[in-house]
C-alpha atoms as a PDB file:
ATOM      1  CA  UNK A   1      24.159 -27.464 -99.935  1.00  0.00           C
ATOM      2  CA  UNK A   2      20.993 -25.640 -99.049  1.00  0.00           C
ATOM      3  CA  UNK A   3      20.210 -28.353 -96.593  1.00  0.00           C
ATOM      4  CA  UNK A   4      23.561 -27.904 -94.836  1.00  0.00           C
ATOM      5  CA  UNK A   5      23.053 -24.125 -94.607  1.00  0.00           C
ATOM      6  CA  UNK A   6      19.640 -24.648 -93.031  1.00  0.00           C
ATOM      7  CA  UNK A   7      21.146 -27.070 -90.529  1.00  0.00           C
ATOM      8  CA  UNK A   8      23.829 -24.585 -89.565  1.00  0.00           C
ATOM      9  CA  UNK A   9      21.252 -21.831 -89.136  1.00  0.00           C
ATOM     10  CA  UNK A  10      19.122 -24.169 -87.018  1.00  0.00           C
ATOM     11  CA  UNK A  11      22.050 -25.052 -84.843  1.00  0.00           C
ATOM     12  CA  UNK A  12      22.875 -21.368 -84.425  1.00  0.00           C
ATOM     13  CA  UNK A  13      19.276 -20.570 -83.384  1.00  0.00           C
ATOM     14  CA  UNK A  14      19.260 -23.488 -80.935  1.00  0.00           C
ATOM     15  CA  UNK A  15      22.479 -22.231 -79.405  1.00  0.00           C
ATOM     16  CA  UNK A  16      20.998 -18.726 -79.002  1.00  0.00           C
ATOM     17  CA  UNK A  17      17.803 -20.157 -77.458  1.00  0.00           C
ATOM     18  CA  UNK A  18      19.835 -22.367 -75.111  1.00  0.00           C
ATOM     19  CA  UNK A  19      21.818 -19.357 -74.020  1.00  0.00           C
ATOM     20  CA  UNK A  20      18.614 -17.373 -73.375  1.00  0.00           C
ATOM     21  CA  UNK A  21      17.070 -20.224 -71.447  1.00  0.00           C
ATOM     22  CA  UNK A  22      20.219 -20.620 -69.400  1.00  0.00           C
ATOM     23  CA  UNK A  23      20.048 -16.887 -68.461  1.00  0.00           C
ATOM     24  CA  UNK A  24      16.472 -17.114 -67.251  1.00  0.00           C
ATOM     25  CA  UNK A  25      17.364 -20.197 -65.203  1.00  0.00           C
ATOM     26  CA  UNK A  26      20.070 -18.188 -63.451  1.00  0.00           C
ATOM     27  CA  UNK A  27      17.491 -15.438 -62.983  1.00  0.00           C
ATOM     28  CA  UNK A  28      15.166 -18.001 -61.398  1.00  0.00           C
ATOM     29  CA  UNK A  29      17.872 -18.975 -58.958  1.00  0.00           C
ATOM     30  CA  UNK A  30      18.318 -15.321 -58.035  1.00  0.00           C
ATOM     31  CA  UNK A  31      14.600 -15.161 -57.415  1.00  0.00           C
ATOM     32  CA  UNK A  32      15.007 -18.091 -55.037  1.00  0.00           C
ATOM     33  CA  UNK A  33      17.627 -16.051 -53.226  1.00  0.00           C
ATOM     34  CA  UNK A  34      15.090 -13.237 -52.884  1.00  0.00           C
ATOM     35  CA  UNK A  35      12.682 -15.436 -50.912  1.00  0.00           C
ATOM     36  CA  UNK A  36      12.582 -19.053 -49.892  1.00  0.00           C
ATOM     37  CA  UNK A  37       9.157 -19.574 -51.390  1.00  0.00           C
ATOM     38  CA  UNK A  38      10.378 -18.386 -54.819  1.00  0.00           C
ATOM     39  CA  UNK A  39      12.185 -21.619 -55.596  1.00  0.00           C
ATOM     40  CA  UNK A  40       9.494 -22.750 -58.023  1.00  0.00           C
ATOM     41  CA  UNK A  41      10.274 -19.731 -60.227  1.00  0.00           C
ATOM     42  CA  UNK A  42      10.318 -20.146 -63.903  1.00  0.00           C
ATOM     43  CA  UNK A  43      11.862 -17.673 -66.181  1.00  0.00           C
ATOM     44  CA  UNK A  44      10.316 -14.329 -65.348  1.00  0.00           C
ATOM     45  CA  UNK A  45       9.462 -15.360 -61.814  1.00  0.00           C
ATOM     46  CA  UNK A  46      12.767 -13.807 -60.855  1.00  0.00           C
ATOM     47  CA  UNK A  47      11.385 -10.530 -62.144  1.00  0.00           C
ATOM     48  CA  UNK A  48       8.466 -10.827 -59.723  1.00  0.00           C
ATOM     49  CA  UNK A  49      10.868 -11.668 -56.903  1.00  0.00           C
ATOM     50  CA  UNK A  50      13.150  -8.727 -57.604  1.00  0.00           C
ATOM     51  CA  UNK A  51      10.199  -6.345 -57.693  1.00  0.00           C
ATOM     52  CA  UNK A  52       9.107  -7.619 -54.248  1.00  0.00           C
ATOM     53  CA  UNK A  53      12.619  -6.787 -53.052  1.00  0.00           C
ATOM     54  CA  UNK A  54      12.194  -3.248 -54.389  1.00  0.00           C
ATOM     55  CA  UNK A  55       8.914  -2.528 -52.667  1.00  0.00           C
ATOM     56  CA  UNK A  56       6.574  -5.509 -52.587  1.00  0.00           C
ATOM     57  CA  UNK A  57       4.527  -4.469 -55.639  1.00  0.00           C
ATOM     58  CA  UNK A  58       1.720  -6.896 -56.318  1.00  0.00           C
ATOM     59  CA  UNK A  59       4.455  -9.049 -57.861  1.00  0.00           C
ATOM     60  CA  UNK A  60       3.937 -10.815 -61.108  1.00  0.00           C
ATOM     61  CA  UNK A  61       3.874 -14.552 -60.822  1.00  0.00           C
ATOM     62  CA  UNK A  62       3.069 -16.642 -57.753  1.00  0.00           C
ATOM     63  CA  UNK A  63       6.574 -16.051 -56.427  1.00  0.00           C
ATOM     64  CA  UNK A  64       5.787 -12.357 -56.091  1.00  0.00           C
ATOM     65  CA  UNK A  65       2.854 -13.273 -53.853  1.00  0.00           C
ATOM     66  CA  UNK A  66       5.259 -15.224 -51.630  1.00  0.00           C
ATOM     67  CA  UNK A  67       7.432 -12.169 -51.428  1.00  0.00           C
ATOM     68  CA  UNK A  68       4.441 -10.222 -50.137  1.00  0.00           C
ATOM     69  CA  UNK A  69       4.158 -12.969 -47.502  1.00  0.00           C
ATOM     70  CA  UNK A  70       7.665 -11.937 -46.522  1.00  0.00           C
ATOM     71  CA  UNK A  71       6.235  -8.469 -45.921  1.00  0.00           C
ATOM     72  CA  UNK A  72       4.067 -10.153 -43.311  1.00  0.00           C
ATOM     73  CA  UNK A  73       7.388 -10.912 -41.660  1.00  0.00           C
ATOM     74  CA  UNK A  74       7.774  -7.168 -41.392  1.00  0.00           C
ATOM     75  CA  UNK A  75       4.482  -7.390 -39.572  1.00  0.00           C
ATOM     76  CA  UNK A  76       6.530  -9.331 -37.049  1.00  0.00           C
ATOM     77  CA  UNK A  77       8.225  -6.045 -36.283  1.00  0.00           C
ATOM     78  CA  UNK A  78       4.810  -4.949 -35.084  1.00  0.00           C
ATOM     79  CA  UNK A  79       5.226  -7.758 -32.589  1.00  0.00           C
ATOM     80  CA  UNK A  80       8.359  -5.937 -31.546  1.00  0.00           C
ATOM     81  CA  UNK A  81       5.955  -3.130 -30.900  1.00  0.00           C
ATOM     82  CA  UNK A  82       4.943  -5.396 -28.035  1.00  0.00           C
ATOM     83  CA  UNK A  83       7.768  -3.608 -26.269  1.00  0.00           C
ATOM     84  CA  UNK A  84       4.998  -1.095 -25.658  1.00  0.00           C
ATOM     85  CA  UNK A  85       3.922  -3.711 -23.148  1.00  0.00           C
ATOM     86  CA  UNK A  86       7.108  -2.773 -21.393  1.00  0.00           C
ATOM     87  CA  UNK A  87       5.257   0.447 -20.982  1.00  0.00           C
ATOM     88  CA  UNK A  88       3.554  -1.612 -18.302  1.00  0.00           C
ATOM     89  CA  UNK A  89       6.631  -0.595 -16.372  1.00  0.00           C
ATOM     90  CA  UNK A  90       4.839   2.723 -16.186  1.00  0.00           C
ATOM     91  CA  UNK A  91       2.167   0.824 -14.343  1.00  0.00           C
ATOM     92  CA  UNK A  92       4.771  -0.221 -11.828  1.00  0.00           C
ATOM     93  CA  UNK A  93       5.585   3.433 -11.565  1.00  0.00           C
ATOM     94  CA  UNK A  94       1.973   3.941 -10.635  1.00  0.00           C
ATOM     95  CA  UNK A  95       2.480   1.383  -7.876  1.00  0.00           C
ATOM     96  CA  UNK A  96       5.317   3.532  -6.602  1.00  0.00           C
ATOM     97  CA  UNK A  97       2.971   6.495  -6.527  1.00  0.00           C
ATOM     98  CA  UNK A  98       0.527   4.600  -4.335  1.00  0.00           C
ATOM     99  CA  UNK A  99       3.458   3.463  -2.272  1.00  0.00           C
ATOM    100  CA  UNK A 100       4.262   7.125  -1.720  1.00  0.00           C
ATOM    101  CA  UNK A 101       0.680   7.493  -0.566  1.00  0.00           C
ATOM    102  CA  UNK A 102       1.510   4.796   1.962  1.00  0.00           C
ATOM    103  CA  UNK A 103       4.356   6.905   3.331  1.00  0.00           C
ATOM    104  CA  UNK A 104       1.914   9.748   3.874  1.00  0.00           C
ATOM    105  CA  UNK A 105      -0.162   7.305   5.886  1.00  0.00           C
ATOM    106  CA  UNK A 106       2.843   6.572   8.047  1.00  0.00           C
ATOM    107  CA  UNK A 107       3.245  10.297   8.329  1.00  0.00           C
ATOM    108  CA  UNK A 108      -0.133  10.243  10.004  1.00  0.00           C
ATOM    109  CA  UNK A 109       1.324   8.009  12.693  1.00  0.00           C
ATOM    110  CA  UNK A 110       3.752  10.805  13.457  1.00  0.00           C
ATOM    111  CA  UNK A 111       0.703  12.608  14.806  1.00  0.00           C
ATOM    112  CA  UNK A 112       0.714  10.109  17.719  1.00  0.00           C
ATOM    113  CA  UNK A 113       1.775  12.037  20.832  1.00  0.00           C
ATOM    114  CA  UNK A 114       0.201  14.182  23.505  1.00  0.00           C
ATOM    115  CA  UNK A 115      -3.516  14.822  22.971  1.00  0.00           C
ATOM    116  CA  UNK A 116      -3.797  17.437  25.674  1.00  0.00           C
ATOM    117  CA  UNK A 117      -2.032  19.543  28.255  1.00  0.00           C
ATOM    118  CA  UNK A 118      -5.077  20.399  30.355  1.00  0.00           C
ATOM    119  CA  UNK A 119      -8.664  19.163  30.723  1.00  0.00           C
ATOM    120  CA  UNK A 120      -9.791  22.139  28.627  1.00  0.00           C
ATOM    121  CA  UNK A 121      -8.330  20.345  25.595  1.00  0.00           C
ATOM    122  CA  UNK A 122     -10.735  17.414  26.075  1.00  0.00           C
ATOM    123  CA  UNK A 123     -14.434  16.616  25.576  1.00  0.00           C
ATOM    124  CA  UNK A 124     -16.872  13.846  26.483  1.00  0.00           C
ATOM    125  CA  UNK A 125     -18.164  11.566  23.711  1.00  0.00           C
ATOM    126  CA  UNK A 126     -21.483  10.142  24.856  1.00  0.00           C
ATOM    127  CA  UNK A 127     -23.811   7.942  22.826  1.00  0.00           C
ATOM    128  CA  UNK A 128     -25.305   4.476  22.836  1.00  0.00           C
ATOM    129  CA  UNK A 129     -21.944   2.992  21.803  1.00  0.00           C
ATOM    130  CA  UNK A 130     -19.985   4.240  24.803  1.00  0.00           C
ATOM    131  CA  UNK A 131     -18.870   6.998  27.150  1.00  0.00           C
ATOM    132  CA  UNK A 132     -15.288   8.187  26.728  1.00  0.00           C
ATOM    133  CA  UNK A 133     -13.036  11.225  26.543  1.00  0.00           C
ATOM    134  CA  UNK A 134     -11.562  12.528  23.296  1.00  0.00           C
ATOM    135  CA  UNK A 135      -9.467  15.568  22.338  1.00  0.00           C
ATOM    136  CA  UNK A 136     -11.583  18.490  21.204  1.00  0.00           C
ATOM    137  CA  UNK A 137     -12.063  18.505  17.442  1.00  0.00           C
ATOM    138  CA  UNK A 138     -11.518  14.759  17.086  1.00  0.00           C
ATOM    139  CA  UNK A 139     -13.547  12.926  14.445  1.00  0.00           C
ATOM    140  CA  UNK A 140     -16.108  10.758  16.220  1.00  0.00           C
ATOM    141  CA  UNK A 141     -17.468   7.694  14.380  1.00  0.00           C
ATOM    142  CA  UNK A 142     -21.251   7.598  14.051  1.00  0.00           C
ATOM    143  CA  UNK A 143     -23.084   5.279  16.420  1.00  0.00           C
ATOM    144  CA  UNK A 144     -25.965   3.319  14.884  1.00  0.00           C
ATOM    145  CA  UNK A 145     -27.125   1.634  18.094  1.00  0.00           C
ATOM    146  CA  UNK A 146     -30.413   2.618  19.701  1.00  0.00           C
ATOM    147  CA  UNK A 147     -30.792   2.814  23.485  1.00  0.00           C
ATOM    148  CA  UNK A 148     -33.181   4.125  26.107  1.00  0.00           C
ATOM    149  CA  UNK A 149     -30.438   5.839  28.106  1.00  0.00           C
ATOM    150  CA  UNK A 150     -27.021   7.007  26.912  1.00  0.00           C
ATOM    151  CA  UNK A 151     -23.829   5.367  28.167  1.00  0.00           C
ATOM    152  CA  UNK A 152     -22.545   8.229  30.357  1.00  0.00           C
ATOM    153  CA  UNK A 153     -25.903   8.600  32.112  1.00  0.00           C
ATOM    154  CA  UNK A 154     -26.010   4.847  32.740  1.00  0.00           C
ATOM    155  CA  UNK A 155     -22.581   5.082  34.432  1.00  0.00           C
ATOM    156  CA  UNK A 156     -23.449   8.329  36.231  1.00  0.00           C
ATOM    157  CA  UNK A 157     -20.656  10.219  34.511  1.00  0.00           C
ATOM    158  CA  UNK A 158     -21.311  13.921  33.964  1.00  0.00           C
ATOM    159  CA  UNK A 159     -20.639  15.837  30.714  1.00  0.00           C
ATOM    160  CA  UNK A 160     -17.742  17.751  32.271  1.00  0.00           C
ATOM    161  CA  UNK A 161     -15.915  14.779  33.843  1.00  0.00           C
ATOM    162  CA  UNK A 162     -12.816  14.884  31.670  1.00  0.00           C
ATOM    163  CA  UNK A 163      -9.167  14.972  32.662  1.00  0.00           C
ATOM    164  CA  UNK A 164      -5.762  15.169  30.955  1.00  0.00           C
ATOM    165  CA  UNK A 165      -3.481  12.399  32.216  1.00  0.00           C
ATOM    166  CA  UNK A 166      -0.083  11.485  30.689  1.00  0.00           C
ATOM    167  CA  UNK A 167      -0.947  13.666  27.712  1.00  0.00           C
ATOM    168  CA  UNK A 168      -4.195  11.775  27.013  1.00  0.00           C
ATOM    169  CA  UNK A 169      -7.833  12.743  27.379  1.00  0.00           C
ATOM    170  CA  UNK A 170      -9.476  10.418  29.925  1.00  0.00           C
ATOM    171  CA  UNK A 171     -12.555  10.322  32.115  1.00  0.00           C
ATOM    172  CA  UNK A 172     -12.118  12.099  35.418  1.00  0.00           C
ATOM    173  CA  UNK A 173     -12.420   8.853  37.358  1.00  0.00           C
ATOM    174  CA  UNK A 174      -9.755   7.026  39.336  1.00  0.00           C
ATOM    175  CA  UNK A 175      -9.357   3.280  38.972  1.00  0.00           C
ATOM    176  CA  UNK A 176      -6.855   3.033  41.832  1.00  0.00           C
ATOM    177  CA  UNK A 177      -8.283   0.450  44.229  1.00  0.00           C
ATOM    178  CA  UNK A 178      -6.354   2.027  47.113  1.00  0.00           C
ATOM    179  CA  UNK A 179      -8.885   4.884  47.015  1.00  0.00           C
ATOM    180  CA  UNK A 180     -11.830   2.536  47.740  1.00  0.00           C
ATOM    181  CA  UNK A 181     -12.276   2.712  51.508  1.00  0.00           C
ATOM    182  CA  UNK A 182     -15.860   1.482  51.844  1.00  0.00           C
ATOM    183  CA  UNK A 183     -14.849  -2.089  52.676  1.00  0.00           C
ATOM    184  CA  UNK A 184     -16.964  -3.621  49.913  1.00  0.00           C
ATOM    185  CA  UNK A 185     -15.503  -6.084  47.410  1.00  0.00           C
ATOM    186  CA  UNK A 186     -14.998  -4.729  43.908  1.00  0.00           C
ATOM    187  CA  UNK A 187     -17.732  -5.499  41.373  1.00  0.00           C
ATOM    188  CA  UNK A 188     -17.042  -8.051  38.613  1.00  0.00           C
ATOM    189  CA  UNK A 189     -15.977  -6.429  35.361  1.00  0.00           C
ATOM    190  CA  UNK A 190     -15.823  -7.734  31.808  1.00  0.00           C
ATOM    191  CA  UNK A 191     -12.396  -8.702  30.444  1.00  0.00           C
ATOM    192  CA  UNK A 192     -10.443  -5.598  29.475  1.00  0.00           C
ATOM    193  CA  UNK A 193     -12.131  -3.344  32.038  1.00  0.00           C
ATOM    194  CA  UNK A 194     -11.475  -2.545  35.704  1.00  0.00           C
ATOM    195  CA  UNK A 195     -13.652  -1.114  38.508  1.00  0.00           C
ATOM    196  CA  UNK A 196     -13.499   2.638  39.014  1.00  0.00           C
ATOM    197  CA  UNK A 197     -13.712   4.377  42.377  1.00  0.00           C
ATOM    198  CA  UNK A 198     -16.411   6.896  43.198  1.00  0.00           C
ATOM    199  CA  UNK A 199     -16.813   8.712  46.517  1.00  0.00           C
ATOM    200  CA  UNK A 200     -14.571   6.243  48.340  1.00  0.00           C
ATOM    201  CA  UNK A 201     -16.376   3.189  46.985  1.00  0.00           C
ATOM    202  CA  UNK A 202     -16.723   1.308  43.709  1.00  0.00           C
ATOM    203  CA  UNK A 203     -18.060   2.873  40.567  1.00  0.00           C
ATOM    204  CA  UNK A 204     -18.684   1.634  37.007  1.00  0.00           C
ATOM    205  CA  UNK A 205     -16.213  -0.577  35.193  1.00  0.00           C
ATOM    206  CA  UNK A 206     -13.986   1.311  32.732  1.00  0.00           C
ATOM    207  CA  UNK A 207     -11.229   0.548  30.265  1.00  0.00           C
ATOM    208  CA  UNK A 208      -7.892   1.231  32.034  1.00  0.00           C
ATOM    209  CA  UNK A 209      -6.982   3.681  29.273  1.00  0.00           C
ATOM    210  CA  UNK A 210     -10.079   5.744  30.187  1.00  0.00           C
ATOM    211  CA  UNK A 211      -9.096   6.032  33.860  1.00  0.00           C
ATOM    212  CA  UNK A 212      -7.361   9.042  35.364  1.00  0.00           C
ATOM    213  CA  UNK A 213      -5.043   6.615  37.172  1.00  0.00           C
ATOM    214  CA  UNK A 214      -4.816   2.900  37.947  1.00  0.00           C
ATOM    215  CA  UNK A 215      -3.513   0.869  40.897  1.00  0.00           C
ATOM    216  CA  UNK A 216      -0.253  -0.221  39.248  1.00  0.00           C
ATOM    217  CA  UNK A 217       1.328  -1.180  35.916  1.00  0.00           C
ATOM    218  CA  UNK A 218      -0.329  -4.630  35.919  1.00  0.00           C
ATOM    219  CA  UNK A 219      -3.555  -2.901  34.862  1.00  0.00           C
ATOM    220  CA  UNK A 220      -1.959  -1.826  31.569  1.00  0.00           C
ATOM    221  CA  UNK A 221      -2.809  -4.732  29.268  1.00  0.00           C
ATOM    222  CA  UNK A 222      -4.062  -5.130  25.699  1.00  0.00           C
ATOM    223  CA  UNK A 223      -1.127  -3.297  24.128  1.00  0.00           C
ATOM    224  CA  UNK A 224      -1.194  -0.294  26.461  1.00  0.00           C
ATOM    225  CA  UNK A 225       1.985   1.069  28.060  1.00  0.00           C
ATOM    226  CA  UNK A 226       2.400   2.008  31.710  1.00  0.00           C
ATOM    227  CA  UNK A 227       3.330   5.601  32.491  1.00  0.00           C
ATOM    228  CA  UNK A 228       4.586   6.085  36.042  1.00  0.00           C
ATOM    229  CA  UNK A 229       4.685   9.705  37.200  1.00  0.00           C
ATOM    230  CA  UNK A 230       6.677  10.496  40.331  1.00  0.00           C
ATOM    231  CA  UNK A 231       4.883  13.028  42.543  1.00  0.00           C
ATOM    232  CA  UNK A 232       5.443  14.150  46.113  1.00  0.00           C
ATOM    233  CA  UNK A 233       2.667  11.858  47.415  1.00  0.00           C
ATOM    234  CA  UNK A 234       4.005   8.829  45.548  1.00  0.00           C
ATOM    235  CA  UNK A 235       3.828   7.412  42.025  1.00  0.00           C
ATOM    236  CA  UNK A 236       0.720   7.787  39.842  1.00  0.00           C
ATOM    237  CA  UNK A 237       0.209   5.094  37.213  1.00  0.00           C
ATOM    238  CA  UNK A 238      -1.601   5.594  33.893  1.00  0.00           C
ATOM    239  CA  UNK A 239      -2.190   3.340  30.902  1.00  0.00           C
ATOM    240  CA  UNK A 240      -1.508   4.768  27.445  1.00  0.00           C
ATOM    241  CA  UNK A 241      -1.984   3.151  24.021  1.00  0.00           C
ATOM    242  CA  UNK A 242       1.011   3.939  21.758  1.00  0.00           C
ATOM    243  CA  UNK A 243       0.272   5.334  18.316  1.00  0.00           C
ATOM    244  CA  UNK A 244       1.105   3.220  15.277  1.00  0.00           C
ATOM    245  CA  UNK A 245       4.861   3.217  14.762  1.00  0.00           C
ATOM    246  CA  UNK A 246       5.581   4.159  18.384  1.00  0.00           C
ATOM    247  CA  UNK A 247       7.635   1.314  19.843  1.00  0.00           C
ATOM    248  CA  UNK A 248       9.961   0.443  22.702  1.00  0.00           C
ATOM    249  CA  UNK A 249      13.252   2.269  22.486  1.00  0.00           C
ATOM    250  CA  UNK A 250      11.513   5.490  21.473  1.00  0.00           C
ATOM    251  CA  UNK A 251       8.699   5.696  24.039  1.00  0.00           C
ATOM    252  CA  UNK A 252       9.959   8.900  25.624  1.00  0.00           C
ATOM    253  CA  UNK A 253       9.814  10.664  22.285  1.00  0.00           C
ATOM    254  CA  UNK A 254       6.725   9.194  20.644  1.00  0.00           C
ATOM    255  CA  UNK A 255       4.453   8.782  23.685  1.00  0.00           C
ATOM    256  CA  UNK A 256       4.979  12.392  24.798  1.00  0.00           C
ATOM    257  CA  UNK A 257       3.475  11.333  28.126  1.00  0.00           C
ATOM    258  CA  UNK A 258       5.760  13.087  30.637  1.00  0.00           C
ATOM    259  CA  UNK A 259       5.262  16.777  29.870  1.00  0.00           C
ATOM    260  CA  UNK A 260       6.465  18.873  31.682  1.00  0.00           C
ATOM    261  CA  UNK A 261       8.607  16.269  33.490  1.00  0.00           C
ATOM    262  CA  UNK A 262      11.713  14.411  32.368  1.00  0.00           C
ATOM    263  CA  UNK A 263      11.323  10.908  30.927  1.00  0.00           C
ATOM    264  CA  UNK A 264      13.156   7.608  31.261  1.00  0.00           C
ATOM    265  CA  UNK A 265      12.154   4.363  29.578  1.00  0.00           C
ATOM    266  CA  UNK A 266      11.428   1.348  31.799  1.00  0.00           C
ATOM    267  CA  UNK A 267      10.533  -2.299  31.259  1.00  0.00           C
ATOM    268  CA  UNK A 268       6.826  -1.462  31.704  1.00  0.00           C
ATOM    269  CA  UNK A 269       6.837   1.765  29.695  1.00  0.00           C
ATOM    270  CA  UNK A 270       8.170   5.125  30.883  1.00  0.00           C
ATOM    271  CA  UNK A 271       8.862   6.862  34.184  1.00  0.00           C
ATOM    272  CA  UNK A 272       8.203  10.581  34.457  1.00  0.00           C
ATOM    273  CA  UNK A 273      10.124  12.517  37.117  1.00  0.00           C
ATOM    274  CA  UNK A 274      11.061  16.040  38.065  1.00  0.00           C
ATOM    275  CA  UNK A 275      14.843  16.311  38.419  1.00  0.00           C
ATOM    276  CA  UNK A 276      14.595  19.682  40.165  1.00  0.00           C
ATOM    277  CA  UNK A 277      11.873  18.711  42.642  1.00  0.00           C
END
């Protein structure tokens, strides 16, 4: 009888223990739900897993450590912080700022127009690099060449030989071959230059854009534009280099070469005329 009572008690204890073990097994499965690495969990490992869910405490059991690894996944959100790289778009904004600087540069081209109205607005630039006319106050690049005699002296051009032609400062020398009456052939000139006329005969070779006038529009090469001015004695031709941004279709406005005459655009450039003359 005693033996049967002991067996019943034993069976009851085994049933209780089986029930307890079954509960912790369910708990282990819950731990596996908490993180994929927690599948090994034994009874109590679910406790570690659930504590990781609550705040990633240094979790008891190896499964808790895996849960902390999950926190490294939160570190992946730091990768989302890589959207700060999108802040590089700000850099593209900087590119727009420099682009705006570019528009100010084109604004400088708007300065292309008449340099002068009279010879008093002009000056001679004379050094070893060349002899030319410029508007007063213009910035003159430094010349690093050394020479025995300066360029204007070599060409026998005086310091006051400046002229305002078609709104540009030029040397007060004609390059119109019709004014050479000495009967001598013109001297050979380097490409891009033409012989000037001095005292009815030939003078030094000059760039057409530095001449007071030229023979005709064929002299205007190298990107220069022909300006034909109608006067009582006939047409006077000048060669003018358009400023950057000044193009055909707008020559009358951007060249500003006909003041005080009226202007009409031609195939070669512009024609200046006096409608009331």
